[in-house]
C-alpha atoms as a PDB file:
ATOM      1  CA  MET A   1      86.484  56.086  98.249  1.00  0.00           C
ATOM      2  CA  ALA A   2      89.504  55.507  99.296  1.00  0.00           C
ATOM      3  CA  THR A   3      91.081  51.797  99.783  1.00  0.00           C
ATOM      4  CA  ILE A   4      94.040  50.368 101.833  1.00  0.00           C
ATOM      5  CA  GLY A   5      95.734  47.508 101.062  1.00  0.00           C
ATOM      6  CA  THR A   6      99.175  45.734 102.279  1.00  0.00           C
ATOM      7  CA  GLY A   7     101.390  48.387 101.906  1.00  0.00           C
ATOM      8  CA  GLU A   8      99.515  50.870  99.891  1.00  0.00           C
ATOM      9  CA  VAL A   9      97.215  53.507 100.177  1.00  0.00           C
ATOM     10  CA  ASP A  10      95.122  54.766  97.314  1.00  0.00           C
ATOM     11  CA  SER A  11      95.699  58.814  96.975  1.00  0.00           C
ATOM     12  CA  ALA A  12      92.465  59.633  94.816  1.00  0.00           C
ATOM     13  CA  ALA A  13      91.605  63.118  95.822  1.00  0.00           C
ATOM     14  CA  SER A  14      88.948  63.623  98.508  1.00  0.00           C
ATOM     15  CA  THR A  15      85.464  64.570  97.446  1.00  0.00           C
ATOM     16  CA  VAL A  16      84.481  66.241 100.824  1.00  0.00           C
ATOM     17  CA  THR A  17      83.420  70.123 100.017  1.00  0.00           C
ATOM     18  CA  PHE A  18      82.274  72.789 102.094  1.00  0.00           C
ATOM     19  CA  THR A  19      78.628  73.196 101.490  1.00  0.00           C
ATOM     20  CA  LEU A  20      75.995  74.369 103.052  1.00  0.00           C
ATOM     21  CA  GLN A  21      74.219  71.100 102.922  1.00  0.00           C
ATOM     22  CA  ASN A  22      77.207  69.962 104.686  1.00  0.00           C
ATOM     23  CA  VAL A  23      77.262  72.317 107.402  1.00  0.00           C
ATOM     24  CA  ARG A  24      73.530  71.490 108.416  1.00  0.00           C
ATOM     25  CA  ARG A  25      74.162  67.719 108.147  1.00  0.00           C
ATOM     26  CA  PHE A  26      77.439  68.002 110.512  1.00  0.00           C
ATOM     27  CA  VAL A  27      75.511  70.103 113.054  1.00  0.00           C
ATOM     28  CA  LEU A  28      72.114  67.521 112.828  1.00  0.00           C
ATOM     29  CA  ILE A  29      74.291  64.635 113.358  1.00  0.00           C
ATOM     30  CA  ARG A  30      76.219  66.141 116.445  1.00  0.00           C
ATOM     31  CA  ALA A  31      73.109  67.290 117.742  1.00  0.00           C
ATOM     32  CA  ALA A  32      71.094  64.246 117.403  1.00  0.00           C
ATOM     33  CA  ARG A  33      74.088  62.070 119.415  1.00  0.00           C
ATOM     34  CA  ARG A  34      73.241  64.637 122.214  1.00  0.00           C
ATOM     35  CA  GLY A  35      69.009  63.597 122.018  1.00  0.00           C
ATOM     36  CA  LEU A  36      68.704  67.193 120.124  1.00  0.00           C
ATOM     37  CA  TYR A  37      66.779  67.658 117.128  1.00  0.00           C
ATOM     38  CA  PRO A  38      67.173  71.101 115.698  1.00  0.00           C
ATOM     39  CA  THR A  39      65.020  72.158 112.564  1.00  0.00           C
ATOM     40  CA  VAL A  40      66.985  73.650 109.177  1.00  0.00           C
ATOM     41  CA  GLU A  41      65.783  76.820 110.033  1.00  0.00           C
ATOM     42  CA  GLU A  42      67.175  76.730 113.458  1.00  0.00           C
ATOM     43  CA  ILE A  43      70.800  75.811 112.117  1.00  0.00           C
ATOM     44  CA  ASP A  44      70.140  78.218 109.027  1.00  0.00           C
ATOM     45  CA  GLN A  45      69.544  80.999 111.791  1.00  0.00           C
ATOM     46  CA  ALA A  46      72.556  80.093 113.288  1.00  0.00           C
ATOM     47  CA  ILE A  47      74.733  79.813 110.347  1.00  0.00           C
ATOM     48  CA  GLN A  48      73.671  83.603 109.430  1.00  0.00           C
ATOM     49  CA  SER A  49      74.322  84.816 112.656  1.00  0.00           C
ATOM     50  CA  THR A  50      77.695  83.022 113.028  1.00  0.00           C
ATOM     51  CA  LEU A  51      78.868  84.235 109.967  1.00  0.00           C
ATOM     52  CA  ASN A  52      77.751  88.123 110.534  1.00  0.00           C
ATOM     53  CA  GLU A  53      79.464  87.958 113.887  1.00  0.00           C
ATOM     54  CA  ALA A  54      82.640  86.419 112.864  1.00  0.00           C
ATOM     55  CA  TYR A  55      82.874  88.809 109.686  1.00  0.00           C
ATOM     56  CA  ASN A  56      82.430  92.076 111.595  1.00  0.00           C
ATOM     57  CA  ALA A  57      84.421  90.909 114.964  1.00  0.00           C
ATOM     58  CA  ARG A  58      87.570  92.436 113.816  1.00  0.00           C
ATOM     59  CA  ARG A  59      88.928  94.496 110.567  1.00  0.00           C
ATOM     60  CA  TRP A  60      90.078  91.145 109.096  1.00  0.00           C
ATOM     61  CA  ARG A  61      92.654  91.650 106.150  1.00  0.00           C
ATOM     62  CA  PHE A  62      90.771  89.956 103.986  1.00  0.00           C
ATOM     63  CA  ARG A  63      87.877  92.348 104.127  1.00  0.00           C
ATOM     64  CA  ARG A  64      89.950  94.964 102.364  1.00  0.00           C
ATOM     65  CA  LEU A  65      89.918  95.446  98.749  1.00  0.00           C
ATOM     66  CA  LEU A  66      92.403  98.062  96.439  1.00  0.00           C
ATOM     67  CA  VAL A  67      89.960  99.484  94.030  1.00  0.00           C
ATOM     68  CA  ARG A  68      89.648 101.883  90.984  1.00  0.00           C
ATOM     69  CA  LEU A  69      86.424 104.625  91.177  1.00  0.00           C
ATOM     70  CA  THR A  70      85.547 106.225  88.048  1.00  0.00           C
ATOM     71  CA  LEU A  71      83.241 109.098  88.450  1.00  0.00           C
ATOM     72  CA  ALA A  72      81.524 109.871  84.772  1.00  0.00           C
ATOM     73  CA  ALA A  73      80.408 112.849  83.352  1.00  0.00           C
ATOM     74  CA  ASP A  74      76.840 111.998  84.012  1.00  0.00           C
ATOM     75  CA  ASN A  75      77.779 111.271  88.123  1.00  0.00           C
ATOM     76  CA  ALA A  76      77.550 107.584  88.180  1.00  0.00           C
ATOM     77  CA  LEU A  77      80.102 106.108  90.369  1.00  0.00           C
ATOM     78  CA  THR A  78      81.613 102.665  89.381  1.00  0.00           C
ATOM     79  CA  ILE A  79      84.081 100.655  91.334  1.00  0.00           C
ATOM     80  CA  LYS A  80      86.236  97.973  89.879  1.00  0.00           C
ATOM     81  CA  LYS A  81      89.234  96.057  91.546  1.00  0.00           C
ATOM     82  CA  ARG A  82      92.795  95.056  90.342  1.00  0.00           C
ATOM     83  CA  ASP A  83      92.543  91.412  88.598  1.00  0.00           C
ATOM     84  CA  GLY A  84      95.603  89.096  88.060  1.00  0.00           C
ATOM     85  CA  SER A  85      96.829  90.822  84.864  1.00  0.00           C
ATOM     86  CA  ASN A  86      97.210  94.304  86.179  1.00  0.00           C
ATOM     87  CA  ASP A  87      93.905  95.559  84.506  1.00  0.00           C
ATOM     88  CA  TRP A  88      90.666  96.337  86.456  1.00  0.00           C
ATOM     89  CA  THR A  89      87.459  94.315  86.419  1.00  0.00           C
ATOM     90  CA  ALA A  90      84.071  94.492  88.081  1.00  0.00           C
ATOM     91  CA  LEU A  91      83.560  93.134  91.667  1.00  0.00           C
ATOM     92  CA  ALA A  92      82.519  89.455  92.350  1.00  0.00           C
ATOM     93  CA  ALA A  93      78.962  88.520  92.830  1.00  0.00           C
ATOM     94  CA  ASN A  94      79.911  88.104  96.609  1.00  0.00           C
ATOM     95  CA  GLN A  95      81.778  91.644  96.889  1.00  0.00           C
ATOM     96  CA  LYS A  96      80.003  94.279  97.942  1.00  0.00           C
ATOM     97  CA  PHE A  97      80.807  97.474  99.061  1.00  0.00           C
ATOM     98  CA  ASP A  98      80.613  98.513 102.624  1.00  0.00           C
ATOM     99  CA  MET A  99      82.772 101.646 103.722  1.00  0.00           C
ATOM    100  CA  VAL A 100      86.450 102.998 102.687  1.00  0.00           C
ATOM    101  CA  SER A 101      88.797 102.119 104.693  1.00  0.00           C
ATOM    102  CA  THR A 102      91.323 104.844 103.407  1.00  0.00           C
ATOM    103  CA  ARG A 103      90.402 108.567 104.201  1.00  0.00           C
ATOM    104  CA  ALA A 104      91.063 110.137 100.708  1.00  0.00           C
ATOM    105  CA  LEU A 105      90.729 108.762  97.159  1.00  0.00           C
ATOM    106  CA  TYR A 106      93.535 109.664  94.903  1.00  0.00           C
ATOM    107  CA  PHE A 107      93.442 110.558  91.761  1.00  0.00           C
ATOM    108  CA  ASP A 108      94.913 109.505  88.430  1.00  0.00           C
ATOM    109  CA  ALA A 109      98.090 111.438  87.278  1.00  0.00           C
ATOM    110  CA  ASP A 110      97.238 114.264  85.693  1.00  0.00           C
ATOM    111  CA  THR A 111     100.555 114.754  83.739  1.00  0.00           C
ATOM    112  CA  ALA A 112     103.286 112.312  83.088  1.00  0.00           C
ATOM    113  CA  GLU A 113     105.928 114.348  84.347  1.00  0.00           C
ATOM    114  CA  ARG A 114     104.504 114.785  87.794  1.00  0.00           C
ATOM    115  CA  SER A 115     106.221 112.443  90.188  1.00  0.00           C
ATOM    116  CA  THR A 116     104.632 109.644  91.548  1.00  0.00           C
ATOM    117  CA  TRP A 117     105.502 111.246  95.224  1.00  0.00           C
ATOM    118  CA  ALA A 118     103.904 114.583  94.130  1.00  0.00           C
ATOM    119  CA  ARG A 119     100.548 112.498  93.149  1.00  0.00           C
ATOM    120  CA  VAL A 120     100.777 110.606  96.647  1.00  0.00           C
ATOM    121  CA  THR A 121     101.219 113.600  98.705  1.00  0.00           C
ATOM    122  CA  THR A 122      98.967 115.992  96.653  1.00  0.00           C
ATOM    123  CA  ASP A 123      96.403 114.868  94.197  1.00  0.00           C
ATOM    124  CA  HIS A 124      93.563 113.673  96.539  1.00  0.00           C
ATOM    125  CA  VAL A 125      90.310 114.163  97.803  1.00  0.00           C
ATOM    126  CA  LYS A 126      89.765 114.246 101.056  1.00  0.00           C
ATOM    127  CA  PHE A 127      87.167 112.464 103.690  1.00  0.00           C
ATOM    128  CA  GLY A 128      85.172 115.474 105.348  1.00  0.00           C
ATOM    129  CA  THR A 129      83.892 115.724 108.626  1.00  0.00           C
ATOM    130  CA  ALA A 130      79.836 116.202 109.132  1.00  0.00           C
ATOM    131  CA  ASP A 131      80.408 119.732 110.079  1.00  0.00           C
ATOM    132  CA  GLU A 132      82.986 120.615 107.571  1.00  0.00           C
ATOM    133  CA  PHE A 133      80.907 119.161 104.862  1.00  0.00           C
ATOM    134  CA  ALA A 134      77.888 121.038 105.669  1.00  0.00           C
ATOM    135  CA  ARG A 135      79.620 124.113 106.137  1.00  0.00           C
ATOM    136  CA  LEU A 136      81.698 123.614 102.744  1.00  0.00           C
ATOM    137  CA  THR A 137      78.274 123.026 101.149  1.00  0.00           C
ATOM    138  CA  ALA A 138      76.134 125.876 102.305  1.00  0.00           C
ATOM    139  CA  GLY A 139      79.151 128.406 101.857  1.00  0.00           C
ATOM    140  CA  ASP A 140      79.800 127.237  98.140  1.00  0.00           C
ATOM    141  CA  ALA A 141      76.549 125.050  97.204  1.00  0.00           C
ATOM    142  CA  GLY A 142      76.368 126.044  93.082  1.00  0.00           C
ATOM    143  CA  ASP A 143      80.409 125.640  92.795  1.00  0.00           C
ATOM    144  CA  THR A 144      81.777 122.927  90.830  1.00  0.00           C
ATOM    145  CA  GLY A 145      85.410 121.904  89.945  1.00  0.00           C
ATOM    146  CA  ARG A 146      87.777 119.460  91.095  1.00  0.00           C
ATOM    147  CA  PRO A 147      86.360 117.559  94.071  1.00  0.00           C
ATOM    148  CA  GLN A 148      88.181 118.515  97.305  1.00  0.00           C
ATOM    149  CA  ARG A 149      86.172 116.733  99.817  1.00  0.00           C
ATOM    150  CA  PHE A 150      84.034 113.826 100.041  1.00  0.00           C
ATOM    151  CA  ARG A 151      81.318 111.810 102.055  1.00  0.00           C
ATOM    152  CA  ILE A 152      79.093 108.730 101.971  1.00  0.00           C
ATOM    153  CA  GLU A 153      75.427 108.361 102.714  1.00  0.00           C
ATOM    154  CA  GLY A 154      73.920 105.158 103.373  1.00  0.00           C
ATOM    155  CA  SER A 155      70.178 104.332 103.431  1.00  0.00           C
ATOM    156  CA  SER A 156      68.345 101.329 104.728  1.00  0.00           C
ATOM    157  CA  SER A 157      67.976  99.556 101.340  1.00  0.00           C
ATOM    158  CA  GLY A 158      71.632  99.321 101.141  1.00  0.00           C
ATOM    159  CA  SER A 159      72.570 101.801  98.702  1.00  0.00           C
ATOM    160  CA  TYR A 160      74.982 104.413  98.888  1.00  0.00           C
ATOM    161  CA  THR A 161      75.075 108.205  97.624  1.00  0.00           C
ATOM    162  CA  TRP A 162      78.426 109.686  96.916  1.00  0.00           C
ATOM    163  CA  HIS A 163      78.748 113.507  97.572  1.00  0.00           C
ATOM    164  CA  PHE A 164      81.554 115.286  96.744  1.00  0.00           C
ATOM    165  CA  TRP A 165      82.548 119.091  96.974  1.00  0.00           C
ATOM    166  CA  PRO A 166      82.727 121.102  95.007  1.00  0.00           C
ATOM    167  CA  PHE A 167      80.394 119.363  92.763  1.00  0.00           C
ATOM    168  CA  PRO A 168      82.557 117.392  90.066  1.00  0.00           C
ATOM    169  CA  ASP A 169      82.951 119.355  86.515  1.00  0.00           C
ATOM    170  CA  ALA A 170      84.011 116.748  84.808  1.00  0.00           C
ATOM    171  CA  ALA A 171      84.555 112.506  84.814  1.00  0.00           C
ATOM    172  CA  TYR A 172      87.379 111.421  87.166  1.00  0.00           C
ATOM    173  CA  THR A 173      89.312 108.361  88.233  1.00  0.00           C
ATOM    174  CA  MET A 174      90.459 107.753  91.502  1.00  0.00           C
ATOM    175  CA  TYR A 175      91.860 104.679  93.564  1.00  0.00           C
ATOM    176  CA  ALA A 176      91.068 104.150  97.528  1.00  0.00           C
ATOM    177  CA  GLU A 177      90.788 100.969  99.707  1.00  0.00           C
ATOM    178  CA  ILE A 178      87.608  99.748 100.745  1.00  0.00           C
ATOM    179  CA  PHE A 179      86.256  97.397 103.292  1.00  0.00           C
ATOM    180  CA  LEU A 180      83.722  94.484 101.626  1.00  0.00           C
ATOM    181  CA  GLU A 181      80.110  94.061 103.085  1.00  0.00           C
ATOM    182  CA  GLY A 182      80.250  90.151 104.177  1.00  0.00           C
ATOM    183  CA  PRO A 183      77.971  87.753 104.164  1.00  0.00           C
ATOM    184  CA  GLN A 184      74.481  88.355 102.651  1.00  0.00           C
ATOM    185  CA  ALA A 185      70.807  87.698 103.754  1.00  0.00           C
ATOM    186  CA  ALA A 186      70.516  84.741 101.242  1.00  0.00           C
ATOM    187  CA  LEU A 187      72.584  81.750 102.474  1.00  0.00           C
ATOM    188  CA  GLY A 188      73.935  79.485 100.241  1.00  0.00           C
ATOM    189  CA  ASP A 189      77.380  77.765  99.316  1.00  0.00           C
ATOM    190  CA  THR A 190      79.077  81.058  98.687  1.00  0.00           C
ATOM    191  CA  SER A 191      78.306  82.298 102.310  1.00  0.00           C
ATOM    192  CA  PHE A 192      81.579  80.478 103.599  1.00  0.00           C
ATOM    193  CA  ASP A 193      83.530  81.851 100.301  1.00  0.00           C
ATOM    194  CA  GLU A 194      83.744  85.492 101.785  1.00  0.00           C
ATOM    195  CA  PHE A 195      86.354  83.883 104.437  1.00  0.00           C
ATOM    196  CA  PRO A 196      89.591  82.182 103.853  1.00  0.00           C
ATOM    197  CA  PRO A 197      89.683  78.517 104.022  1.00  0.00           C
ATOM    198  CA  ALA A 198      91.379  78.342 107.510  1.00  0.00           C
ATOM    199  CA  PHE A 199      88.180  79.967 109.153  1.00  0.00           C
ATOM    200  CA  ARG A 200      85.630  77.077 107.587  1.00  0.00           C
ATOM    201  CA  THR A 201      86.429  74.622 110.390  1.00  0.00           C
ATOM    202  CA  VAL A 202      85.520  76.547 113.077  1.00  0.00           C
ATOM    203  CA  LEU A 203      82.825  78.482 111.584  1.00  0.00           C
ATOM    204  CA  ARG A 204      81.275  75.262 111.232  1.00  0.00           C
ATOM    205  CA  ASP A 205      82.071  74.191 114.961  1.00  0.00           C
ATOM    206  CA  SER A 206      80.786  77.802 116.193  1.00  0.00           C
ATOM    207  CA  VAL A 207      77.239  77.126 114.021  1.00  0.00           C
ATOM    208  CA  LEU A 208      76.902  73.685 116.239  1.00  0.00           C
ATOM    209  CA  LEU A 209      77.998  75.500 119.396  1.00  0.00           C
ATOM    210  CA  ARG A 210      75.334  78.137 118.950  1.00  0.00           C
ATOM    211  CA  VAL A 211      72.657  75.433 118.179  1.00  0.00           C
ATOM    212  CA  LEU A 212      73.510  73.635 121.238  1.00  0.00           C
ATOM    213  CA  GLU A 213      73.693  76.627 123.737  1.00  0.00           C
ATOM    214  CA  ASP A 214      70.119  77.765 122.168  1.00  0.00           C
ATOM    215  CA  ARG A 215      68.654  74.424 123.388  1.00  0.00           C
ATOM    216  CA  GLY A 216      70.142  74.744 126.410  1.00  0.00           C
ATOM    217  CA  ALA A 217      72.989  72.132 126.343  1.00  0.00           C
ATOM    218  CA  ALA A 218      75.903  73.953 126.311  1.00  0.00           C
ATOM    219  CA  ASP A 219      79.312  71.987 125.612  1.00  0.00           C
ATOM    220  CA  ARG A 220      82.298  73.495 127.303  1.00  0.00           C
ATOM    221  CA  ASP A 221      84.943  71.243 125.197  1.00  0.00           C
ATOM    222  CA  LEU A 222      83.639  72.523 122.260  1.00  0.00           C
ATOM    223  CA  ARG A 223      83.485  76.113 123.515  1.00  0.00           C
ATOM    224  CA  GLU A 224      87.402  75.906 124.444  1.00  0.00           C
ATOM    225  CA  ARG A 225      88.106  74.297 120.969  1.00  0.00           C
ATOM    226  CA  VAL A 226      86.193  77.191 119.389  1.00  0.00           C
ATOM    227  CA  MET A 227      87.529  80.003 121.572  1.00  0.00           C
ATOM    228  CA  HIS A 228      91.305  78.800 121.009  1.00  0.00           C
ATOM    229  CA  ALA A 229      90.900  78.374 117.271  1.00  0.00           C
ATOM    230  CA  GLN A 230      89.343  81.833 116.954  1.00  0.00           C
ATOM    231  CA  SER A 231      92.627  83.568 118.799  1.00  0.00           C
ATOM    232  CA  GLN A 232      94.492  81.401 116.449  1.00  0.00           C
ATOM    233  CA  LEU A 233      92.797  83.156 113.398  1.00  0.00           C
ATOM    234  CA  LEU A 234      92.839  86.682 115.280  1.00  0.00           C
ATOM    235  CA  ALA A 235      96.612  86.513 115.008  1.00  0.00           C
ATOM    236  CA  GLU A 236      97.237  85.551 111.759  1.00  0.00           C
ATOM    237  CA  PHE A 237      94.326  87.434 109.760  1.00  0.00           C
ATOM    238  CA  GLU A 238      93.284  90.419 112.045  1.00  0.00           C
ATOM    239  CA  ASP A 239      94.399  93.874 110.655  1.00  0.00           C
ATOM    240  CA  VAL A 240      96.606  95.283 112.874  1.00  0.00           C
ATOM    241  CA  PRO A 241      98.402  98.322 112.544  1.00  0.00           C
ATOM    242  CA  GLY A 242     102.377  97.554 112.287  1.00  0.00           C
ATOM    243  CA  GLY A 243     105.651  99.266 111.130  1.00  0.00           C
ATOM    244  CA  ALA A 244     104.788  98.580 107.764  1.00  0.00           C
ATOM    245  CA  ASP A 245     101.698 100.783 107.788  1.00  0.00           C
ATOM    246  CA  ASP A 246     104.104 103.602 108.290  1.00  0.00           C
ATOM    247  CA  LEU A 247     106.430 102.717 105.095  1.00  0.00           C
ATOM    248  CA  GLY A 248     106.191 105.287 102.486  1.00  0.00           C
ATOM    249  CA  GLY A 249     103.474 107.584 103.827  1.00  0.00           C
ATOM    250  CA  PRO A 250     103.885 111.225 103.462  1.00  0.00           C
ATOM    251  CA  GLU A 251     105.970 113.067 106.098  1.00  0.00           C
ATOM    252  CA  ASP A 252     105.442 116.669 107.032  1.00  0.00           C
ATOM    253  CA  VAL A 253     108.679 117.758 107.094  1.00  0.00           C
ATOM    254  CA  TYR A 254     108.122 121.323 106.474  1.00  0.00           C
ATOM    255  CA  GLY A 255     105.014 121.747 108.586  1.00  0.00           C
ATOM    256  CA  ASP A 256     102.632 121.858 105.493  1.00  0.00           C
ATOM    257  CA  VAL A 257      99.753 120.072 107.326  1.00  0.00           C
ATOM    258  CA  ALA A 258      98.554 122.533 109.265  1.00  0.00           C
ATOM    259  CA  GLY A 259      98.569 125.147 106.508  1.00  0.00           C
ATOM    260  CA  GLY A 260      96.417 122.637 104.541  1.00  0.00           C
ATOM    261  CA  MET A 261      98.997 122.014 101.981  1.00  0.00           C
ATOM    262  CA  ILE A 262      98.583 118.045 102.629  1.00  0.00           C
ATOM    263  CA  GLY A 263      94.668 117.528 103.135  1.00  0.00           C
ATOM    264  CA  GLY A 264      94.279 119.920 106.076  1.00  0.00           C
ATOM    265  CA  PRO A 265      91.773 122.375 106.738  1.00  0.00           C
ATOM    266  CA  LEU A 266      90.562 124.375 103.779  1.00  0.00           C
END
């Protein structure tokens, strides 16, 4: 505990942590001051709803992750992220694949003499529309080779099946950017770790606001504070397209896109 004396302050590090237990305690204490006594189950439901809604409210920058996809010879696909030493490592326990954010998967370089520009503009697997992928598969169902189109099929169990056309004939390494799935069903202290630290206070206040409103005890001042904090977070963390997104992108100088030379139709 910090102590304050004449002309001095104890500068010991704070022991306050942002845990599930502390969020529950925060809500219970402030609800009790209003004569309300929510159950832990009510609070946990409010926490889960708040986390899910906040995570999926925008395409936050922190939801994106650059990854390397390795398609093995047995067609098993593994996803790894870049670590601090410029190597590739497995995703963290709270990092689950949700969807690709890029419209193509970019192949590893075939040969050393090919330029980076050539690889970026031509060597990729383009995301195929439903009609296009069905047409290609129906026309050449038995073909194998270097993939040119891909699609992703989800299931109710949360797993994904990747489809490639033509069917891969060898192992390939590709790169893309993905969206992370977000908070998992089971609450825990790490549930809040999927958000930057700046979100923690507003998430905690949002849980309190939800509990109060569910109990018919809306707090106008609290709602205004939460909405103001949310608007600030939007300005800081929302993934808004801008000029930087256009830097380095391929330019269709020769009108090749229509002819299918840069990811156009086959």
